[in-house]
Amino acid sequence: MGKLYGIGIGPGDPELLTIKAVKVIKSCDVVFLPSSKGFSLAEKVIEGYIKDKTRVYFDFPMGKDNFDNYKKAAQTIYSLLMEGKTGAFVTIGDALAYSTFIYLYRELERLDVEVEIIPGVPSFCAVFSKLKIPFSEKGQTVLISDKMVREESLNFVDSVILLKGSLNKDAINILKKLGFKFYYAKRIYLDGETIYTDEKDILIDDDYFSILIGKKE
C-alpha cells in the first residue's frame, strides 16, 4: 500500500513552501487538491510544481458541513494508495492548523492509511511579516481563534488573532475598549492583498480570507 503526505503549502506565495514540501509534491504519483465551488486555491499556489501530474479534486464548500465529503475523499485516497501509489494532499497554511486536512486525516486514520505530515507557514504567522510587528515577544501571551472570544478572555493576553476577520468585526469595539491597537489584513500573499487600520475600511470589507489582529499598546 502507498503512502499519503499531508502538506501545508503556506499562505499563498509559491516560494513560501518548504524545500521538503516541494520535493515531496514533485515525487508523488497523485496530488489531491481541495476545492470550493470548482476552484482550488491550493492548486493555483503549487501549479508550477505539479505540471502534468495526476490531479484529484475534492470539493469542500466553505462554511458547509463536509462530513460526508471527508469520508468519500478518504475512501478515494485509500483506493488509489491500495494500488501502491504515493499521494500528496495539499492545503493552504499548515496542515494541522484550522485546515481541511484535519478532518480528512481523522477519516484516513480509521482506514489505517500511512500518513506523513509536512508543516507549512500559517497565515496568522505570515501576516506579521507584512505588518512588520512581532507575533509575540518573550513572556507575552497570544490568543488565536476563528470565532469571537469572550471579553474577559482578552484581559489576560497581549495579542489576539481572529481568523475569518470579516465575520468577527464585533470584536473591534471590545479591542478598542481594552486598549488594543487593531489591524485587519486580507488575502496575505495572494492577489488582492490589503491591510487596513482604519475602522471604516474594515467594516465594509467582507473577504473570507481575512484576519483581525489586536495588539495591546
N, C-alpha and C. Protein backbone atom coordinates (compact mmCIF):
# COMPACT_ATOMS: atom_id res chain seq x y z
N MET A 1 0.84 -1.20 0.00
CA MET A 1 0.00 0.00 0.00
C MET A 1 0.87 1.24 0.00
N GLY A 2 0.44 2.27 -0.73
CA GLY A 2 1.21 3.50 -0.81
C GLY A 2 1.07 4.36 0.44
N LYS A 3 1.60 5.55 0.35
CA LYS A 3 1.65 6.45 1.50
C LYS A 3 1.10 7.81 1.10
N LEU A 4 0.44 8.48 2.06
CA LEU A 4 -0.07 9.82 1.81
C LEU A 4 0.72 10.84 2.61
N TYR A 5 1.01 11.96 1.97
CA TYR A 5 1.64 13.10 2.64
C TYR A 5 0.60 14.22 2.76
N GLY A 6 0.40 14.68 3.98
CA GLY A 6 -0.43 15.85 4.20
C GLY A 6 0.48 17.06 4.27
N ILE A 7 0.33 17.98 3.33
CA ILE A 7 1.33 19.04 3.17
C ILE A 7 0.72 20.43 3.30
N GLY A 8 1.22 21.18 4.25
CA GLY A 8 0.86 22.58 4.36
C GLY A 8 1.69 23.37 3.37
N ILE A 9 1.03 24.20 2.54
CA ILE A 9 1.77 24.89 1.47
C ILE A 9 1.88 26.40 1.71
N GLY A 10 1.63 26.82 2.95
CA GLY A 10 1.84 28.22 3.27
C GLY A 10 0.68 29.12 2.89
N PRO A 11 0.84 30.43 3.06
CA PRO A 11 -0.27 31.38 2.91
C PRO A 11 -0.68 31.72 1.49
N GLY A 12 0.15 31.38 0.50
CA GLY A 12 -0.26 31.68 -0.87
C GLY A 12 0.87 31.98 -1.85
N ASP A 13 2.03 32.28 -1.34
CA ASP A 13 3.19 32.54 -2.20
C ASP A 13 3.88 31.21 -2.49
N PRO A 14 4.02 30.81 -3.77
CA PRO A 14 4.67 29.54 -4.10
C PRO A 14 6.08 29.41 -3.55
N GLU A 15 6.73 30.53 -3.29
CA GLU A 15 8.10 30.49 -2.77
C GLU A 15 8.15 30.31 -1.26
N LEU A 16 6.99 30.29 -0.61
CA LEU A 16 6.95 30.08 0.84
C LEU A 16 6.69 28.62 1.22
N LEU A 17 6.66 27.73 0.24
CA LEU A 17 6.65 26.30 0.56
C LEU A 17 8.02 25.90 1.09
N THR A 18 8.05 24.92 1.98
CA THR A 18 9.34 24.42 2.43
C THR A 18 10.00 23.61 1.32
N ILE A 19 11.30 23.45 1.41
CA ILE A 19 12.04 22.64 0.43
C ILE A 19 11.51 21.21 0.45
N LYS A 20 11.23 20.71 1.64
CA LYS A 20 10.73 19.33 1.76
C LYS A 20 9.37 19.20 1.08
N ALA A 21 8.51 20.19 1.27
CA ALA A 21 7.18 20.13 0.65
C ALA A 21 7.29 20.05 -0.87
N VAL A 22 8.15 20.87 -1.44
CA VAL A 22 8.32 20.87 -2.90
C VAL A 22 8.85 19.53 -3.39
N LYS A 23 9.85 18.99 -2.69
CA LYS A 23 10.43 17.71 -3.08
C LYS A 23 9.39 16.59 -3.07
N VAL A 24 8.59 16.56 -2.02
CA VAL A 24 7.58 15.50 -1.90
C VAL A 24 6.50 15.66 -2.96
N ILE A 25 6.03 16.88 -3.18
CA ILE A 25 5.00 17.11 -4.20
C ILE A 25 5.49 16.65 -5.57
N LYS A 26 6.73 16.97 -5.88
CA LYS A 26 7.28 16.60 -7.19
C LYS A 26 7.47 15.09 -7.33
N SER A 27 7.67 14.40 -6.20
CA SER A 27 7.95 12.96 -6.26
C SER A 27 6.70 12.08 -6.20
N CYS A 28 5.58 12.64 -5.78
CA CYS A 28 4.36 11.84 -5.61
C CYS A 28 3.71 11.47 -6.94
N ASP A 29 2.95 10.38 -6.92
CA ASP A 29 2.24 9.95 -8.13
C ASP A 29 0.97 10.75 -8.36
N VAL A 30 0.29 11.10 -7.26
CA VAL A 30 -1.00 11.78 -7.34
C VAL A 30 -1.02 12.98 -6.39
N VAL A 31 -1.59 14.08 -6.85
CA VAL A 31 -1.76 15.25 -5.99
C VAL A 31 -3.27 15.43 -5.75
N PHE A 32 -3.64 15.44 -4.48
CA PHE A 32 -5.04 15.62 -4.09
C PHE A 32 -5.26 17.09 -3.73
N LEU A 33 -6.28 17.68 -4.36
CA LEU A 33 -6.48 19.12 -4.25
C LEU A 33 -7.86 19.46 -3.69
N PRO A 34 -7.91 20.15 -2.55
CA PRO A 34 -9.20 20.62 -2.04
C PRO A 34 -9.70 21.77 -2.89
N SER A 35 -11.00 21.83 -3.11
CA SER A 35 -11.57 22.92 -3.89
C SER A 35 -12.89 23.35 -3.27
N SER A 36 -13.36 24.50 -3.69
CA SER A 36 -14.66 25.00 -3.24
C SER A 36 -15.36 25.62 -4.44
N LYS A 37 -16.50 25.06 -4.79
CA LYS A 37 -17.28 25.53 -5.93
C LYS A 37 -16.45 25.50 -7.22
N GLY A 38 -15.64 24.45 -7.36
CA GLY A 38 -14.88 24.25 -8.59
C GLY A 38 -13.56 24.97 -8.68
N PHE A 39 -13.18 25.71 -7.64
CA PHE A 39 -11.91 26.44 -7.66
C PHE A 39 -11.01 25.94 -6.54
N SER A 40 -9.76 25.65 -6.89
CA SER A 40 -8.79 25.20 -5.91
C SER A 40 -7.68 26.23 -5.76
N LEU A 41 -7.70 26.95 -4.66
CA LEU A 41 -6.63 27.91 -4.38
C LEU A 41 -5.30 27.20 -4.20
N ALA A 42 -5.34 26.03 -3.57
CA ALA A 42 -4.11 25.26 -3.37
C ALA A 42 -3.45 24.90 -4.70
N GLU A 43 -4.28 24.55 -5.68
CA GLU A 43 -3.75 24.21 -7.00
C GLU A 43 -3.05 25.42 -7.62
N LYS A 44 -3.65 26.58 -7.48
CA LYS A 44 -3.06 27.79 -8.04
C LYS A 44 -1.69 28.06 -7.44
N VAL A 45 -1.55 27.81 -6.14
CA VAL A 45 -0.28 28.07 -5.45
C VAL A 45 0.83 27.13 -5.92
N ILE A 46 0.50 25.86 -6.12
CA ILE A 46 1.56 24.88 -6.44
C ILE A 46 1.60 24.52 -7.92
N GLU A 47 0.89 25.25 -8.75
CA GLU A 47 0.81 24.92 -10.17
C GLU A 47 2.18 24.69 -10.79
N GLY A 48 3.15 25.50 -10.43
CA GLY A 48 4.48 25.38 -11.02
C GLY A 48 5.24 24.14 -10.61
N TYR A 49 4.76 23.45 -9.59
CA TYR A 49 5.46 22.26 -9.09
C TYR A 49 4.80 20.95 -9.53
N ILE A 50 3.56 21.01 -10.03
CA ILE A 50 2.86 19.75 -10.35
C ILE A 50 2.73 19.48 -11.84
N LYS A 51 2.75 20.52 -12.65
CA LYS A 51 2.76 20.39 -14.11
C LYS A 51 1.80 19.32 -14.60
N ASP A 52 2.32 18.18 -15.14
CA ASP A 52 1.44 17.18 -15.75
C ASP A 52 1.09 16.03 -14.81
N LYS A 53 1.23 16.24 -13.52
CA LYS A 53 0.91 15.17 -12.56
C LYS A 53 -0.59 14.87 -12.54
N THR A 54 -0.92 13.64 -12.14
CA THR A 54 -2.32 13.26 -11.96
C THR A 54 -2.91 14.08 -10.82
N ARG A 55 -4.07 14.68 -11.06
CA ARG A 55 -4.71 15.53 -10.05
C ARG A 55 -6.10 14.98 -9.73
N VAL A 56 -6.39 14.93 -8.45
CA VAL A 56 -7.72 14.51 -7.99
C VAL A 56 -8.28 15.63 -7.13
N TYR A 57 -9.50 16.08 -7.47
CA TYR A 57 -10.10 17.21 -6.78
C TYR A 57 -11.17 16.75 -5.80
N PHE A 58 -11.18 17.36 -4.63
CA PHE A 58 -12.23 17.10 -3.65
C PHE A 58 -12.92 18.42 -3.33
N ASP A 59 -14.22 18.44 -3.48
CA ASP A 59 -14.97 19.68 -3.23
C ASP A 59 -15.40 19.75 -1.76
N PHE A 60 -14.86 20.75 -1.06
CA PHE A 60 -15.23 21.01 0.33
C PHE A 60 -15.73 22.45 0.40
N PRO A 61 -17.01 22.70 0.13
CA PRO A 61 -17.53 24.06 0.12
C PRO A 61 -17.28 24.79 1.44
N MET A 62 -16.80 26.02 1.37
CA MET A 62 -16.51 26.80 2.57
C MET A 62 -17.79 27.09 3.34
N GLY A 63 -17.68 26.97 4.66
CA GLY A 63 -18.81 27.28 5.52
C GLY A 63 -19.89 26.21 5.54
N LYS A 64 -19.63 25.04 4.94
CA LYS A 64 -20.61 23.97 4.90
C LYS A 64 -20.17 22.80 5.77
N ASP A 65 -21.13 21.93 6.10
CA ASP A 65 -20.82 20.69 6.80
C ASP A 65 -20.32 19.68 5.77
N ASN A 66 -19.03 19.36 5.83
CA ASN A 66 -18.43 18.50 4.81
C ASN A 66 -18.15 17.09 5.32
N PHE A 67 -18.86 16.66 6.36
CA PHE A 67 -18.59 15.36 6.97
C PHE A 67 -18.62 14.23 5.93
N ASP A 68 -19.66 14.18 5.13
CA ASP A 68 -19.76 13.12 4.11
C ASP A 68 -18.68 13.26 3.05
N ASN A 69 -18.34 14.50 2.72
CA ASN A 69 -17.30 14.73 1.71
C ASN A 69 -15.93 14.23 2.19
N TYR A 70 -15.65 14.39 3.48
CA TYR A 70 -14.38 13.90 4.02
C TYR A 70 -14.32 12.38 3.95
N LYS A 71 -15.42 11.74 4.27
CA LYS A 71 -15.46 10.27 4.23
C LYS A 71 -15.26 9.76 2.80
N LYS A 72 -15.92 10.40 1.85
CA LYS A 72 -15.78 9.98 0.45
C LYS A 72 -14.36 10.22 -0.05
N ALA A 73 -13.78 11.36 0.33
CA ALA A 73 -12.41 11.67 -0.09
C ALA A 73 -11.43 10.65 0.48
N ALA A 74 -11.62 10.28 1.74
CA ALA A 74 -10.75 9.29 2.37
C ALA A 74 -10.82 7.95 1.64
N GLN A 75 -12.02 7.56 1.23
CA GLN A 75 -12.18 6.30 0.50
C GLN A 75 -11.49 6.35 -0.85
N THR A 76 -11.59 7.49 -1.53
CA THR A 76 -10.92 7.66 -2.82
C THR A 76 -9.41 7.56 -2.67
N ILE A 77 -8.89 8.25 -1.67
CA ILE A 77 -7.44 8.21 -1.41
C ILE A 77 -7.01 6.79 -1.07
N TYR A 78 -7.78 6.14 -0.22
CA TYR A 78 -7.46 4.76 0.17
C TYR A 78 -7.38 3.85 -1.05
N SER A 79 -8.33 3.97 -1.95
CA SER A 79 -8.36 3.11 -3.14
C SER A 79 -7.13 3.32 -4.01
N LEU A 80 -6.72 4.56 -4.19
CA LEU A 80 -5.54 4.84 -5.02
C LEU A 80 -4.25 4.38 -4.34
N LEU A 81 -4.18 4.54 -3.04
CA LEU A 81 -2.99 4.09 -2.32
C LEU A 81 -2.88 2.57 -2.32
N MET A 82 -4.03 1.90 -2.37
CA MET A 82 -4.02 0.42 -2.43
C MET A 82 -3.35 -0.07 -3.71
N GLU A 83 -3.30 0.77 -4.72
CA GLU A 83 -2.62 0.42 -5.96
C GLU A 83 -1.11 0.62 -5.86
N GLY A 84 -0.66 1.07 -4.69
CA GLY A 84 0.77 1.28 -4.47
C GLY A 84 1.24 2.68 -4.79
N LYS A 85 0.32 3.58 -5.08
CA LYS A 85 0.69 4.95 -5.42
C LYS A 85 1.00 5.76 -4.15
N THR A 86 1.83 6.79 -4.32
CA THR A 86 2.05 7.76 -3.24
C THR A 86 1.28 9.03 -3.59
N GLY A 87 0.71 9.65 -2.57
CA GLY A 87 -0.12 10.83 -2.82
C GLY A 87 0.25 11.99 -1.92
N ALA A 88 -0.07 13.19 -2.39
CA ALA A 88 0.14 14.41 -1.61
C ALA A 88 -1.18 15.16 -1.54
N PHE A 89 -1.70 15.34 -0.33
CA PHE A 89 -2.86 16.19 -0.14
C PHE A 89 -2.34 17.54 0.33
N VAL A 90 -2.61 18.59 -0.44
CA VAL A 90 -2.04 19.90 -0.13
C VAL A 90 -3.13 20.82 0.42
N THR A 91 -2.73 21.64 1.37
CA THR A 91 -3.68 22.55 1.98
C THR A 91 -3.01 23.88 2.30
N ILE A 92 -3.73 24.97 2.12
CA ILE A 92 -3.20 26.30 2.42
C ILE A 92 -2.82 26.39 3.89
N GLY A 93 -1.73 27.10 4.18
CA GLY A 93 -1.29 27.27 5.57
C GLY A 93 -0.57 26.05 6.08
N ASP A 94 -0.87 25.68 7.31
CA ASP A 94 -0.28 24.49 7.93
C ASP A 94 -1.32 23.38 7.94
N ALA A 95 -0.87 22.15 7.77
CA ALA A 95 -1.80 21.02 7.61
C ALA A 95 -2.64 20.76 8.86
N LEU A 96 -2.16 21.17 10.03
CA LEU A 96 -2.89 20.87 11.26
C LEU A 96 -3.33 22.13 12.01
N ALA A 97 -3.40 23.25 11.32
CA ALA A 97 -3.86 24.49 11.95
C ALA A 97 -5.08 25.01 11.19
N TYR A 98 -6.26 24.78 11.74
CA TYR A 98 -7.52 25.26 11.14
C TYR A 98 -7.66 24.83 9.67
N SER A 99 -7.24 23.62 9.36
CA SER A 99 -7.23 23.22 7.95
C SER A 99 -8.23 22.11 7.66
N THR A 100 -8.57 21.99 6.38
CA THR A 100 -9.43 20.91 5.90
C THR A 100 -8.80 19.55 6.17
N PHE A 101 -7.49 19.50 6.12
CA PHE A 101 -6.81 18.21 6.26
C PHE A 101 -7.07 17.54 7.61
N ILE A 102 -7.30 18.31 8.65
CA ILE A 102 -7.52 17.75 9.98
C ILE A 102 -8.66 16.73 9.95
N TYR A 103 -9.75 17.10 9.32
CA TYR A 103 -10.95 16.26 9.31
C TYR A 103 -10.77 15.07 8.37
N LEU A 104 -10.06 15.30 7.28
CA LEU A 104 -9.76 14.21 6.37
C LEU A 104 -8.82 13.20 7.03
N TYR A 105 -7.85 13.70 7.76
CA TYR A 105 -6.87 12.83 8.43
C TYR A 105 -7.55 11.88 9.42
N ARG A 106 -8.55 12.36 10.12
CA ARG A 106 -9.27 11.51 11.07
C ARG A 106 -9.94 10.33 10.37
N GLU A 107 -10.46 10.61 9.18
CA GLU A 107 -11.08 9.52 8.40
C GLU A 107 -10.02 8.55 7.89
N LEU A 108 -8.88 9.07 7.49
CA LEU A 108 -7.79 8.22 6.99
C LEU A 108 -7.23 7.32 8.09
N GLU A 109 -7.20 7.85 9.32
CA GLU A 109 -6.73 7.03 10.45
C GLU A 109 -7.61 5.80 10.63
N ARG A 110 -8.92 5.97 10.43
CA ARG A 110 -9.84 4.84 10.59
C ARG A 110 -9.60 3.76 9.53
N LEU A 111 -9.00 4.16 8.42
CA LEU A 111 -8.70 3.21 7.34
C LEU A 111 -7.27 2.68 7.41
N ASP A 112 -6.55 3.07 8.46
CA ASP A 112 -5.15 2.64 8.66
C ASP A 112 -4.24 3.04 7.51
N VAL A 113 -4.49 4.22 6.96
CA VAL A 113 -3.63 4.74 5.90
C VAL A 113 -2.36 5.33 6.53
N GLU A 114 -1.22 5.02 5.94
CA GLU A 114 0.04 5.59 6.43
C GLU A 114 0.13 7.04 5.97
N VAL A 115 0.29 7.95 6.92
CA VAL A 115 0.31 9.38 6.61
C VAL A 115 1.53 10.03 7.25
N GLU A 116 2.21 10.84 6.46
CA GLU A 116 3.27 11.71 6.99
C GLU A 116 2.85 13.16 6.77
N ILE A 117 3.01 13.98 7.80
CA ILE A 117 2.55 15.36 7.72
C ILE A 117 3.74 16.31 7.64
N ILE A 118 3.67 17.21 6.67
CA ILE A 118 4.73 18.20 6.46
C ILE A 118 4.17 19.58 6.77
N PRO A 119 4.74 20.28 7.74
CA PRO A 119 4.18 21.57 8.16
C PRO A 119 4.38 22.67 7.12
N GLY A 120 3.55 23.68 7.23
CA GLY A 120 3.66 24.85 6.36
C GLY A 120 3.52 26.13 7.17
N VAL A 121 3.75 27.26 6.53
CA VAL A 121 3.64 28.55 7.19
C VAL A 121 2.17 28.96 7.29
N PRO A 122 1.62 29.10 8.49
CA PRO A 122 0.22 29.52 8.59
C PRO A 122 0.06 31.02 8.36
N SER A 123 -1.11 31.40 7.89
CA SER A 123 -1.36 32.82 7.57
C SER A 123 -1.24 33.70 8.80
N PHE A 124 -1.62 33.18 9.96
CA PHE A 124 -1.59 34.02 11.16
C PHE A 124 -0.18 34.25 11.68
N CYS A 125 0.80 33.56 11.12
CA CYS A 125 2.20 33.89 11.38
C CYS A 125 2.75 34.79 10.26
N ALA A 126 2.40 34.42 9.02
CA ALA A 126 2.92 35.15 7.87
C ALA A 126 2.48 36.61 7.85
N VAL A 127 1.29 36.90 8.37
CA VAL A 127 0.77 38.27 8.31
C VAL A 127 1.66 39.25 9.06
N PHE A 128 2.35 38.80 10.08
CA PHE A 128 3.20 39.71 10.85
C PHE A 128 4.43 40.17 10.06
N SER A 129 4.83 39.37 9.09
CA SER A 129 5.95 39.81 8.24
C SER A 129 5.51 40.97 7.37
N LYS A 130 4.23 41.05 7.06
CA LYS A 130 3.69 42.17 6.28
C LYS A 130 3.47 43.40 7.16
N LEU A 131 3.00 43.16 8.38
CA LEU A 131 2.78 44.27 9.31
C LEU A 131 4.09 44.83 9.87
N LYS A 132 5.13 43.99 9.85
CA LYS A 132 6.44 44.34 10.40
C LYS A 132 6.36 44.66 11.90
N ILE A 133 5.56 43.83 12.57
CA ILE A 133 5.50 43.88 14.03
C ILE A 133 5.65 42.44 14.53
N PRO A 134 6.10 42.24 15.76
CA PRO A 134 6.32 40.87 16.24
C PRO A 134 5.03 40.12 16.52
N PHE A 135 5.03 38.86 16.20
CA PHE A 135 3.93 37.97 16.57
C PHE A 135 3.80 37.94 18.09
N SER A 136 4.94 37.80 18.74
CA SER A 136 4.97 37.79 20.19
C SER A 136 6.41 38.01 20.65
N GLU A 137 6.54 38.57 21.84
CA GLU A 137 7.85 38.74 22.44
C GLU A 137 7.93 37.91 23.72
N LYS A 138 9.11 37.78 24.24
CA LYS A 138 9.34 36.94 25.41
C LYS A 138 8.37 37.29 26.54
N GLY A 139 7.70 36.27 27.07
CA GLY A 139 6.81 36.45 28.19
C GLY A 139 5.40 36.88 27.84
N GLN A 140 5.13 37.11 26.55
CA GLN A 140 3.80 37.56 26.14
C GLN A 140 2.88 36.38 25.83
N THR A 141 1.59 36.65 25.87
CA THR A 141 0.58 35.63 25.60
C THR A 141 -0.25 36.03 24.39
N VAL A 142 -0.46 35.07 23.50
CA VAL A 142 -1.24 35.31 22.27
C VAL A 142 -2.45 34.38 22.25
N LEU A 143 -3.60 34.93 21.91
CA LEU A 143 -4.82 34.14 21.76
C LEU A 143 -5.18 34.07 20.28
N ILE A 144 -5.39 32.86 19.77
CA ILE A 144 -5.76 32.67 18.36
C ILE A 144 -7.09 31.93 18.31
N SER A 145 -8.02 32.43 17.50
CA SER A 145 -9.32 31.78 17.37
C SER A 145 -9.91 32.11 16.00
N ASP A 146 -10.86 31.27 15.56
CA ASP A 146 -11.57 31.57 14.32
C ASP A 146 -12.98 32.05 14.61
N LYS A 147 -13.24 32.39 15.86
CA LYS A 147 -14.55 32.95 16.22
C LYS A 147 -14.36 33.95 17.35
N MET A 148 -15.38 34.77 17.55
CA MET A 148 -15.33 35.79 18.58
C MET A 148 -15.10 35.16 19.96
N VAL A 149 -14.27 35.81 20.77
CA VAL A 149 -13.97 35.30 22.10
C VAL A 149 -14.59 36.21 23.16
N ARG A 150 -14.73 35.69 24.35
CA ARG A 150 -15.34 36.47 25.43
C ARG A 150 -14.41 37.61 25.86
N GLU A 151 -15.00 38.73 26.20
CA GLU A 151 -14.23 39.91 26.58
C GLU A 151 -13.29 39.62 27.73
N GLU A 152 -13.75 38.87 28.71
CA GLU A 152 -12.90 38.60 29.87
C GLU A 152 -11.64 37.83 29.52
N SER A 153 -11.69 37.06 28.41
CA SER A 153 -10.50 36.31 27.98
C SER A 153 -9.39 37.23 27.53
N LEU A 154 -9.76 38.40 26.99
CA LEU A 154 -8.77 39.32 26.44
C LEU A 154 -8.04 40.12 27.51
N ASN A 155 -8.52 40.03 28.74
CA ASN A 155 -7.83 40.73 29.82
C ASN A 155 -6.50 40.08 30.18
N PHE A 156 -6.29 38.86 29.69
CA PHE A 156 -5.11 38.10 30.09
C PHE A 156 -4.14 37.84 28.94
N VAL A 157 -4.34 38.54 27.83
CA VAL A 157 -3.44 38.32 26.69
C VAL A 157 -2.86 39.65 26.20
N ASP A 158 -1.73 39.54 25.50
CA ASP A 158 -1.09 40.73 24.93
C ASP A 158 -1.48 40.95 23.48
N SER A 159 -1.87 39.85 22.81
CA SER A 159 -2.29 39.93 21.42
C SER A 159 -3.42 38.96 21.17
N VAL A 160 -4.30 39.31 20.25
CA VAL A 160 -5.36 38.41 19.84
C VAL A 160 -5.39 38.36 18.32
N ILE A 161 -5.56 37.15 17.78
CA ILE A 161 -5.63 36.95 16.34
C ILE A 161 -6.94 36.24 16.03
N LEU A 162 -7.80 36.90 15.27
CA LEU A 162 -9.09 36.33 14.91
C LEU A 162 -9.10 36.02 13.41
N LEU A 163 -9.10 34.74 13.08
CA LEU A 163 -9.20 34.32 11.70
C LEU A 163 -10.62 34.60 11.20
N LYS A 164 -10.79 34.59 9.86
CA LYS A 164 -12.09 34.96 9.28
C LYS A 164 -12.50 36.32 9.86
N GLY A 165 -11.60 37.27 9.75
CA GLY A 165 -11.81 38.58 10.36
C GLY A 165 -13.09 39.26 9.94
N SER A 166 -13.52 39.04 8.71
CA SER A 166 -14.73 39.70 8.23
C SER A 166 -15.97 39.22 8.96
N LEU A 167 -15.88 38.05 9.59
CA LEU A 167 -17.02 37.50 10.33
C LEU A 167 -16.93 37.83 11.82
N ASN A 168 -15.87 38.49 12.22
CA ASN A 168 -15.64 38.75 13.65
C ASN A 168 -15.41 40.24 13.95
N LYS A 169 -16.06 41.08 13.18
CA LYS A 169 -15.85 42.52 13.34
C LYS A 169 -16.42 43.08 14.65
N ASP A 170 -17.32 42.34 15.28
CA ASP A 170 -17.86 42.80 16.55
C ASP A 170 -16.76 42.93 17.60
N ALA A 171 -15.64 42.28 17.35
CA ALA A 171 -14.54 42.33 18.31
C ALA A 171 -13.88 43.71 18.35
N ILE A 172 -14.05 44.50 17.31
CA ILE A 172 -13.36 45.80 17.24
C ILE A 172 -13.71 46.69 18.44
N ASN A 173 -14.97 46.76 18.78
CA ASN A 173 -15.37 47.60 19.90
C ASN A 173 -14.74 47.14 21.21
N ILE A 174 -14.65 45.83 21.37
CA ILE A 174 -14.02 45.29 22.58
C ILE A 174 -12.53 45.59 22.59
N LEU A 175 -11.90 45.43 21.44
CA LEU A 175 -10.47 45.70 21.35
C LEU A 175 -10.17 47.16 21.69
N LYS A 176 -10.97 48.06 21.18
CA LYS A 176 -10.79 49.48 21.49
C LYS A 176 -10.99 49.74 22.98
N LYS A 177 -11.99 49.15 23.54
CA LYS A 177 -12.31 49.34 24.96
C LYS A 177 -11.16 48.88 25.85
N LEU A 178 -10.50 47.81 25.47
CA LEU A 178 -9.44 47.23 26.30
C LEU A 178 -8.04 47.75 25.96
N GLY A 179 -7.96 48.71 25.05
CA GLY A 179 -6.68 49.33 24.75
C GLY A 179 -5.81 48.61 23.75
N PHE A 180 -6.43 47.83 22.87
CA PHE A 180 -5.69 47.15 21.80
C PHE A 180 -5.65 48.03 20.55
N LYS A 181 -4.51 48.04 19.89
CA LYS A 181 -4.43 48.60 18.55
C LYS A 181 -4.80 47.47 17.60
N PHE A 182 -5.61 47.75 16.58
CA PHE A 182 -6.06 46.66 15.73
C PHE A 182 -5.64 46.86 14.27
N TYR A 183 -5.47 45.71 13.63
CA TYR A 183 -5.08 45.64 12.22
C TYR A 183 -6.00 44.62 11.56
N TYR A 184 -6.28 44.86 10.28
CA TYR A 184 -7.12 43.94 9.52
C TYR A 184 -6.39 43.66 8.21
N ALA A 185 -6.13 42.40 7.96
CA ALA A 185 -5.40 42.03 6.74
C ALA A 185 -6.20 40.99 5.96
N LYS A 186 -6.24 41.16 4.64
CA LYS A 186 -6.94 40.17 3.82
C LYS A 186 -6.04 39.70 2.68
N ARG A 187 -6.21 38.43 2.33
CA ARG A 187 -5.51 37.81 1.20
C ARG A 187 -4.00 38.01 1.27
N ILE A 188 -3.43 37.78 2.43
CA ILE A 188 -1.98 37.91 2.59
C ILE A 188 -1.25 36.93 1.67
N TYR A 189 -0.30 37.43 0.92
CA TYR A 189 0.49 36.68 -0.06
C TYR A 189 -0.37 36.14 -1.21
N LEU A 190 -1.54 36.75 -1.43
CA LEU A 190 -2.39 36.39 -2.55
C LEU A 190 -2.74 37.65 -3.34
N ASP A 191 -3.31 37.46 -4.53
CA ASP A 191 -3.80 38.61 -5.29
C ASP A 191 -4.86 39.34 -4.46
N GLY A 192 -4.78 40.65 -4.43
CA GLY A 192 -5.75 41.43 -3.66
C GLY A 192 -5.33 41.68 -2.23
N GLU A 193 -4.08 41.38 -1.92
CA GLU A 193 -3.59 41.60 -0.56
C GLU A 193 -3.77 43.06 -0.13
N THR A 194 -4.38 43.26 1.04
CA THR A 194 -4.62 44.61 1.56
C THR A 194 -4.57 44.58 3.08
N ILE A 195 -4.05 45.66 3.66
CA ILE A 195 -4.03 45.81 5.11
C ILE A 195 -4.74 47.10 5.48
N TYR A 196 -5.69 47.00 6.41
CA TYR A 196 -6.44 48.16 6.87
C TYR A 196 -6.19 48.41 8.36
N THR A 197 -6.10 49.68 8.72
CA THR A 197 -6.07 50.06 10.13
C THR A 197 -7.20 51.03 10.46
N ASP A 198 -7.87 51.52 9.43
CA ASP A 198 -9.00 52.43 9.62
C ASP A 198 -10.28 51.61 9.80
N GLU A 199 -10.99 51.89 10.87
CA GLU A 199 -12.18 51.12 11.20
C GLU A 199 -13.22 51.15 10.08
N LYS A 200 -13.39 52.28 9.43
CA LYS A 200 -14.38 52.39 8.36
C LYS A 200 -14.08 51.44 7.22
N ASP A 201 -12.81 51.33 6.86
CA ASP A 201 -12.42 50.42 5.78
C ASP A 201 -12.67 48.97 6.18
N ILE A 202 -12.39 48.66 7.43
CA ILE A 202 -12.56 47.30 7.92
C ILE A 202 -14.04 46.90 7.88
N LEU A 203 -14.89 47.79 8.31
CA LEU A 203 -16.30 47.46 8.45
C LEU A 203 -17.00 47.18 7.12
N ILE A 204 -16.47 47.70 6.03
CA ILE A 204 -17.12 47.46 4.73
C ILE A 204 -16.54 46.27 3.97
N ASP A 205 -15.46 45.71 4.49
CA ASP A 205 -14.85 44.57 3.79
C ASP A 205 -15.52 43.26 4.21
N ASP A 206 -15.67 42.33 3.26
CA ASP A 206 -16.32 41.07 3.57
C ASP A 206 -15.55 39.86 3.05
N ASP A 207 -14.24 40.01 2.90
CA ASP A 207 -13.42 38.93 2.35
C ASP A 207 -13.26 37.80 3.37
N TYR A 208 -13.52 36.58 2.93
CA TYR A 208 -13.41 35.41 3.80
C TYR A 208 -11.97 35.21 4.27
N PHE A 209 -11.01 35.46 3.38
CA PHE A 209 -9.60 35.25 3.71
C PHE A 209 -9.03 36.48 4.41
N SER A 210 -9.50 36.71 5.61
CA SER A 210 -9.11 37.92 6.34
C SER A 210 -8.76 37.58 7.79
N ILE A 211 -7.97 38.45 8.39
CA ILE A 211 -7.52 38.25 9.77
C ILE A 211 -7.63 39.59 10.51
N LEU A 212 -8.19 39.55 11.71
CA LEU A 212 -8.27 40.72 12.57
C LEU A 212 -7.29 40.52 13.72
N ILE A 213 -6.40 41.48 13.90
CA ILE A 213 -5.34 41.36 14.91
C ILE A 213 -5.44 42.51 15.90
N GLY A 214 -5.33 42.17 17.15
CA GLY A 214 -5.28 43.20 18.20
C GLY A 214 -3.98 43.08 18.97
N LYS A 215 -3.28 44.20 19.15
CA LYS A 215 -2.02 44.22 19.91
C LYS A 215 -2.18 45.24 21.05
N LYS A 216 -1.98 44.80 22.27
CA LYS A 216 -2.15 45.68 23.40
C LYS A 216 -1.05 46.73 23.41
N GLU A 217 -1.43 47.99 23.56
CA GLU A 217 -0.44 49.08 23.50
C GLU A 217 0.14 49.35 24.88
